[in-house]
C-alpha atoms as a PDB file:
ATOM      1  CA  MET A   1      72.283  70.418 138.951  1.00  0.00           C
ATOM      2  CA  ASN A   2      69.228  71.215 137.203  1.00  0.00           C
ATOM      3  CA  ASP A   3      68.776  69.380 133.481  1.00  0.00           C
ATOM      4  CA  THR A   4      65.708  71.299 132.942  1.00  0.00           C
ATOM      5  CA  LEU A   5      65.569  73.666 129.812  1.00  0.00           C
ATOM      6  CA  GLU A   6      64.920  77.294 130.931  1.00  0.00           C
ATOM      7  CA  ALA A   7      61.374  78.978 129.316  1.00  0.00           C
ATOM      8  CA  ASP A   8      62.462  81.381 126.041  1.00  0.00           C
ATOM      9  CA  THR A   9      61.675  84.185 128.002  1.00  0.00           C
ATOM     10  CA  PRO A  10      62.498  88.126 126.754  1.00  0.00           C
ATOM     11  CA  GLN A  11      65.691  88.322 128.930  1.00  0.00           C
ATOM     12  CA  THR A  12      66.684  84.861 127.574  1.00  0.00           C
ATOM     13  CA  ARG A  13      66.027  85.262 123.623  1.00  0.00           C
ATOM     14  CA  LEU A  14      69.058  86.651 121.511  1.00  0.00           C
ATOM     15  CA  VAL A  15      66.396  88.808 119.591  1.00  0.00           C
ATOM     16  CA  THR A  16      63.343  89.903 120.303  1.00  0.00           C
ATOM     17  CA  ALA A  17      60.350  90.147 117.983  1.00  0.00           C
ATOM     18  CA  GLU A  18      60.691  93.922 118.058  1.00  0.00           C
ATOM     19  CA  GLY A  19      64.404  93.737 117.244  1.00  0.00           C
ATOM     20  CA  LEU A  20      63.774  91.273 114.610  1.00  0.00           C
ATOM     21  CA  ARG A  21      61.258  93.767 113.135  1.00  0.00           C
ATOM     22  CA  LYS A  22      63.765  96.295 113.286  1.00  0.00           C
ATOM     23  CA  ILE A  23      66.167  93.979 111.364  1.00  0.00           C
ATOM     24  CA  VAL A  24      63.839  93.252 108.495  1.00  0.00           C
ATOM     25  CA  VAL A  25      63.181  96.875 108.042  1.00  0.00           C
ATOM     26  CA  ILE A  26      66.545  97.958 107.964  1.00  0.00           C
ATOM     27  CA  ALA A  27      67.710  95.103 105.450  1.00  0.00           C
ATOM     28  CA  ILE A  28      64.602  95.844 103.403  1.00  0.00           C
ATOM     29  CA  CYS A  29      65.567  99.652 103.143  1.00  0.00           C
ATOM     30  CA  GLY A  30      69.178  98.839 102.314  1.00  0.00           C
ATOM     31  CA  SER A  31      68.302  96.919  99.479  1.00  0.00           C
ATOM     32  CA  ILE A  32      66.177  99.398  98.012  1.00  0.00           C
ATOM     33  CA  ILE A  33      69.120 101.480  98.744  1.00  0.00           C
ATOM     34  CA  ALA A  34      71.524  99.505  97.031  1.00  0.00           C
ATOM     35  CA  PHE A  35      69.428  98.782  94.175  1.00  0.00           C
ATOM     36  CA  LEU A  36      68.787 102.337  93.534  1.00  0.00           C
ATOM     37  CA  MET A  37      72.245 103.598  94.120  1.00  0.00           C
ATOM     38  CA  ASN A  38      73.152 100.855  91.409  1.00  0.00           C
ATOM     39  CA  TYR A  39      70.548 101.469  88.952  1.00  0.00           C
ATOM     40  CA  PHE A  40      71.503 105.181  88.674  1.00  0.00           C
ATOM     41  CA  SER A  41      74.751 104.811  88.993  1.00  0.00           C
ATOM     42  CA  PRO A  42      76.795 106.282  86.179  1.00  0.00           C
ATOM     43  CA  ALA A  43      78.405 102.611  85.148  1.00  0.00           C
ATOM     44  CA  SER A  44      74.646 101.438  85.516  1.00  0.00           C
ATOM     45  CA  ARG A  45      73.859 104.393  82.978  1.00  0.00           C
ATOM     46  CA  GLN A  46      76.779 103.782  80.430  1.00  0.00           C
ATOM     47  CA  GLU A  47      76.219  99.957  80.066  1.00  0.00           C
ATOM     48  CA  ARG A  48      71.923 101.033  79.230  1.00  0.00           C
ATOM     49  CA  ASN A  49      73.508 103.548  76.542  1.00  0.00           C
ATOM     50  CA  LEU A  50      76.176 101.329  75.166  1.00  0.00           C
ATOM     51  CA  GLN A  51      73.197  98.580  74.516  1.00  0.00           C
ATOM     52  CA  ALA A  52      70.981 101.249  73.173  1.00  0.00           C
ATOM     53  CA  ALA A  53      73.776 102.479  70.821  1.00  0.00           C
ATOM     54  CA  GLN A  54      74.259  98.588  70.137  1.00  0.00           C
ATOM     55  CA  ARG A  55      71.114  98.395  69.015  1.00  0.00           C
ATOM     56  CA  HIS A  56      70.798 101.253  67.103  1.00  0.00           C
ATOM     57  CA  ALA A  57      73.964 100.542  64.821  1.00  0.00           C
ATOM     58  CA  ASP A  58      73.142  96.804  64.237  1.00  0.00           C
ATOM     59  CA  LEU A  59      69.318  98.500  62.819  1.00  0.00           C
ATOM     60  CA  ILE A  60      71.010 100.990  60.740  1.00  0.00           C
ATOM     61  CA  ASN A  61      74.586  99.697  59.473  1.00  0.00           C
ATOM     62  CA  PRO A  62      73.084  97.929  56.626  1.00  0.00           C
ATOM     63  CA  THR A  63      70.895 101.210  55.361  1.00  0.00           C
ATOM     64  CA  ILE A  64      74.285 103.254  55.711  1.00  0.00           C
ATOM     65  CA  HIS A  65      76.586 100.276  53.692  1.00  0.00           C
ATOM     66  CA  ALA A  66      74.273  99.882  51.046  1.00  0.00           C
ATOM     67  CA  ASP A  67      75.532 103.419  50.429  1.00  0.00           C
ATOM     68  CA  PRO A  68      78.986 103.134  48.059  1.00  0.00           C
ATOM     69  CA  ARG A  69      79.788 106.743  49.568  1.00  0.00           C
ATOM     70  CA  PHE A  70      80.108 105.352  52.999  1.00  0.00           C
ATOM     71  CA  ARG A  71      82.088 102.317  52.451  1.00  0.00           C
ATOM     72  CA  ASP A  72      84.582 103.408  54.809  1.00  0.00           C
ATOM     73  CA  VAL A  73      82.561 104.284  57.578  1.00  0.00           C
ATOM     74  CA  ASN A  74      81.747 101.987  60.734  1.00  0.00           C
ATOM     75  CA  ILE A  75      78.825 102.723  63.003  1.00  0.00           C
ATOM     76  CA  ALA A  76      79.213 101.474  66.487  1.00  0.00           C
ATOM     77  CA  ARG A  77      79.011 102.138  70.554  1.00  0.00           C
ATOM     78  CA  TYR A  78      81.449 103.919  72.161  1.00  0.00           C
ATOM     79  CA  THR A  79      82.049 104.163  75.722  1.00  0.00           C
ATOM     80  CA  GLY A  80      82.455 107.938  75.898  1.00  0.00           C
ATOM     81  CA  ASP A  81      79.789 110.335  76.698  1.00  0.00           C
ATOM     82  CA  GLU A  82      78.335 107.954  79.114  1.00  0.00           C
ATOM     83  CA  GLY A  83      77.647 105.576  76.351  1.00  0.00           C
ATOM     84  CA  CYS A  84      76.913 106.980  72.596  1.00  0.00           C
ATOM     85  CA  LEU A  85      76.824 105.897  69.323  1.00  0.00           C
ATOM     86  CA  TRP A  86      79.877 106.169  67.442  1.00  0.00           C
ATOM     87  CA  VAL A  87      80.009 107.390  63.716  1.00  0.00           C
ATOM     88  CA  LEU A  88      83.723 106.804  62.296  1.00  0.00           C
ATOM     89  CA  GLY A  89      85.402 106.727  59.121  1.00  0.00           C
ATOM     90  CA  SER A  90      86.063 108.940  55.960  1.00  0.00           C
ATOM     91  CA  VAL A  91      83.972 109.927  52.902  1.00  0.00           C
ATOM     92  CA  SER A  92      85.030 111.384  49.743  1.00  0.00           C
ATOM     93  CA  SER A  93      83.320 114.561  49.724  1.00  0.00           C
ATOM     94  CA  ASP A  94      81.877 117.545  52.070  1.00  0.00           C
ATOM     95  CA  ALA A  95      78.130 116.478  50.298  1.00  0.00           C
ATOM     96  CA  ALA A  96      78.625 112.602  51.317  1.00  0.00           C
ATOM     97  CA  ARG A  97      79.778 113.591  54.767  1.00  0.00           C
ATOM     98  CA  GLU A  98      76.642 115.945  55.638  1.00  0.00           C
ATOM     99  CA  ALA A  99      74.140 113.168  53.731  1.00  0.00           C
ATOM    100  CA  LEU A 100      76.035 110.890  56.428  1.00  0.00           C
ATOM    101  CA  ARG A 101      75.195 112.805  59.202  1.00  0.00           C
ATOM    102  CA  SER A 102      71.274 113.484  57.808  1.00  0.00           C
ATOM    103  CA  ALA A 103      70.712 109.870  57.825  1.00  0.00           C
ATOM    104  CA  VAL A 104      72.361 108.903  60.994  1.00  0.00           C
ATOM    105  CA  ASP A 105      69.901 111.686  62.380  1.00  0.00           C
ATOM    106  CA  ALA A 106      67.170 111.207  60.496  1.00  0.00           C
ATOM    107  CA  SER A 107      67.348 107.576  62.512  1.00  0.00           C
ATOM    108  CA  VAL A 108      66.278 109.104  65.611  1.00  0.00           C
ATOM    109  CA  PRO A 109      69.461 107.742  67.936  1.00  0.00           C
ATOM    110  CA  PRO A 110      68.087 106.896  71.261  1.00  0.00           C
ATOM    111  CA  VAL A 111      71.740 107.701  72.454  1.00  0.00           C
ATOM    112  CA  LYS A 112      74.207 110.883  72.070  1.00  0.00           C
ATOM    113  CA  VAL A 113      76.307 110.339  68.319  1.00  0.00           C
ATOM    114  CA  ARG A 114      79.841 111.003  68.346  1.00  0.00           C
ATOM    115  CA  PHE A 115      80.364 112.005  64.639  1.00  0.00           C
ATOM    116  CA  ASP A 116      83.835 111.394  63.768  1.00  0.00           C
ATOM    117  CA  VAL A 117      83.683 111.547  59.839  1.00  0.00           C
ATOM    118  CA  TYR A 118      86.213 113.058  57.720  1.00  0.00           C
ATOM    119  CA  VAL A 119      86.499 114.224  54.094  1.00  0.00           C
ATOM    120  CA  PHE A 120      89.242 112.649  52.316  1.00  0.00           C
ATOM    121  CA  PRO A 121      88.963 112.952  48.291  1.00  0.00           C
ATOM    122  CA  ASP A 122      89.404 110.187  46.195  1.00  0.00           C
ATOM    123  CA  PRO A 123      92.619 110.681  43.812  1.00  0.00           C
ATOM    124  CA  PRO A 124      91.488 111.396  40.066  1.00  0.00           C
ATOM    125  CA  ASN A 125      92.748 107.913  39.143  1.00  0.00           C
ATOM    126  CA  GLN A 126      90.894 106.087  41.535  1.00  0.00           C
ATOM    127  CA  LYS A 127      87.434 107.057  41.072  1.00  0.00           C
ATOM    128  CA  HIS A 128      85.258 104.139  42.456  1.00  0.00           C
END
């Protein structure tokens, strides 16, 4: 019985140098493809838009809420439209609704705006 170790020859190697290079190239290409697919996926785009919408809502909410006409309006992020800014609530007149829309548009939102603001006139005896 021969107890000597065999020399590491191309015939006895599990992976050759050329095979190792192919494995590394395939792994790098696969990683790049996986990253790009994730980055450009709808879920990733939505998450980026939601983050941008939340930052913008945090920025303009104090200004909007400083106006008493907009006391029943909330501005937040919304998952629809691949992530958008959601303006939701009610105002007492069409003029207030248009002023709100103008104020939001003037803030230059970085994402689409979903504008769900309804006009409910104050009853005559409950004017603020």
